[in-house]
Amino acid sequence: MGYSAGSIRKTCEFVLTPFRRSKLEQRPLKLTEFIGPLSQCANTMEDQYNDFKTFTDITTGDKARRDAIAKALSPEGDGDAKGKKKKKKKK
């Protein structure tokens, strides 16, 4: 966590050489192949990561969607993701 998209792209380009791509059927990719090269890339500090996350939440509206999903999945939630109140029938 905390790696930029550029760091992840650089790691993928480093690991997925043309030779390695040609051998994918004989030897599938493993997570351990990416850990070493990724550890050599710069990562963001915790406070910078939180700032980026907050900015992304504001610009994309992801926080509102996550909150709505969490509310719908919570035991207290009524299952209504948009938070609409149920109307009572009039007699």
Protein backbone atom coordinates (compact mmCIF):
# COMPACT_ATOMS: atom_id res chain seq x y z
CA MET A 1 0.00 0.00 0.00
CA GLY A 2 1.21 3.48 -0.72
CA TYR A 3 2.82 2.88 -4.10
CA SER A 4 1.96 5.19 -6.95
CA ALA A 5 0.57 3.96 -10.25
CA GLY A 6 3.91 4.83 -11.86
CA SER A 7 5.81 2.64 -9.40
CA ILE A 8 3.49 -0.28 -10.08
CA ARG A 9 3.78 0.23 -13.84
CA LYS A 10 7.57 0.37 -13.62
CA THR A 11 7.58 -2.87 -11.63
CA CYS A 12 5.31 -4.62 -14.14
CA GLU A 13 7.48 -3.52 -17.05
CA PHE A 14 10.57 -4.77 -15.21
CA VAL A 15 9.06 -8.19 -14.43
CA LEU A 16 7.11 -8.78 -17.65
CA THR A 17 9.94 -8.82 -20.14
CA PRO A 18 9.25 -10.30 -23.61
CA PHE A 19 11.10 -13.47 -22.58
CA ARG A 20 9.05 -13.79 -19.36
CA ARG A 21 5.80 -13.24 -21.27
CA SER A 22 6.73 -16.04 -23.66
CA LYS A 23 7.14 -18.43 -20.71
CA LEU A 24 3.85 -17.63 -18.94
CA GLU A 25 2.23 -20.94 -19.94
CA GLN A 26 5.12 -23.01 -18.58
CA ARG A 27 5.63 -20.88 -15.46
CA PRO A 28 2.69 -18.72 -14.29
CA LEU A 29 3.34 -15.43 -12.54
CA LYS A 30 3.71 -15.39 -8.77
CA LEU A 31 3.37 -12.51 -6.37
CA THR A 32 6.93 -13.03 -5.14
CA GLU A 33 8.27 -11.99 -8.56
CA PHE A 34 6.90 -8.48 -8.01
CA ILE A 35 7.88 -7.93 -4.37
CA GLY A 36 11.61 -7.40 -4.96
CA PRO A 37 11.33 -4.89 -7.80
CA LEU A 38 8.46 -3.06 -6.07
CA SER A 39 10.49 -2.69 -2.90
CA GLN A 40 13.08 -0.76 -4.93
CA CYS A 41 10.47 1.84 -5.97
CA ALA A 42 9.58 4.90 -3.96
CA ASN A 43 6.41 4.73 -1.91
CA THR A 44 4.41 7.49 -0.28
CA MET A 45 4.46 8.25 3.41
CA GLU A 46 1.34 7.52 5.45
CA ASP A 47 0.26 11.18 5.67
CA GLN A 48 0.79 11.70 1.93
CA TYR A 49 -1.15 8.52 1.20
CA ASN A 50 -4.05 9.73 3.34
CA ASP A 51 -4.01 13.10 1.54
CA PHE A 52 -4.11 11.36 -1.86
CA LYS A 53 -6.89 9.08 -0.66
CA THR A 54 -8.96 12.03 0.61
CA PHE A 55 -8.43 13.92 -2.65
CA THR A 56 -9.45 10.87 -4.68
CA ASP A 57 -12.54 10.36 -2.52
CA ILE A 58 -13.62 13.97 -3.07
CA THR A 59 -13.04 14.01 -6.82
CA THR A 60 -14.56 10.60 -7.61
CA GLY A 61 -17.23 10.26 -4.93
CA ASP A 62 -15.81 6.89 -3.85
CA LYS A 63 -16.29 7.63 -0.15
CA ALA A 64 -20.03 8.13 -0.56
CA ARG A 65 -20.30 4.86 -2.49
CA ARG A 66 -18.25 2.96 0.10
CA ASP A 67 -20.36 4.40 2.92
CA ALA A 68 -23.60 3.45 1.14
CA ILE A 69 -22.37 -0.09 0.57
CA ALA A 70 -21.19 -0.43 4.17
CA LYS A 71 -24.54 0.85 5.43
CA ALA A 72 -26.43 -1.59 3.21
CA LEU A 73 -24.29 -4.51 4.37
CA SER A 74 -24.36 -3.63 8.06
CA PRO A 75 -26.69 -5.60 10.35
CA GLU A 76 -28.42 -2.35 11.42
CA GLY A 77 -28.97 -1.31 7.81
CA ASP A 78 -32.32 -1.98 6.22
CA GLY A 79 -30.67 -3.10 2.98
CA ASP A 80 -31.60 0.13 1.17
CA ALA A 81 -28.32 1.42 -0.27
CA LYS A 82 -29.66 4.92 -0.99
CA GLY A 83 -31.00 5.46 2.51
CA LYS A 84 -34.57 6.17 1.43
CA LYS A 85 -37.19 6.10 4.12
CA LYS A 86 -39.98 3.60 3.75
CA LYS A 87 -43.41 5.12 3.36
CA LYS A 88 -46.20 4.05 5.67
CA LYS A 89 -49.52 3.07 4.18
CA LYS A 90 -52.42 5.34 4.97
CA LYS A 91 -55.63 3.74 6.13
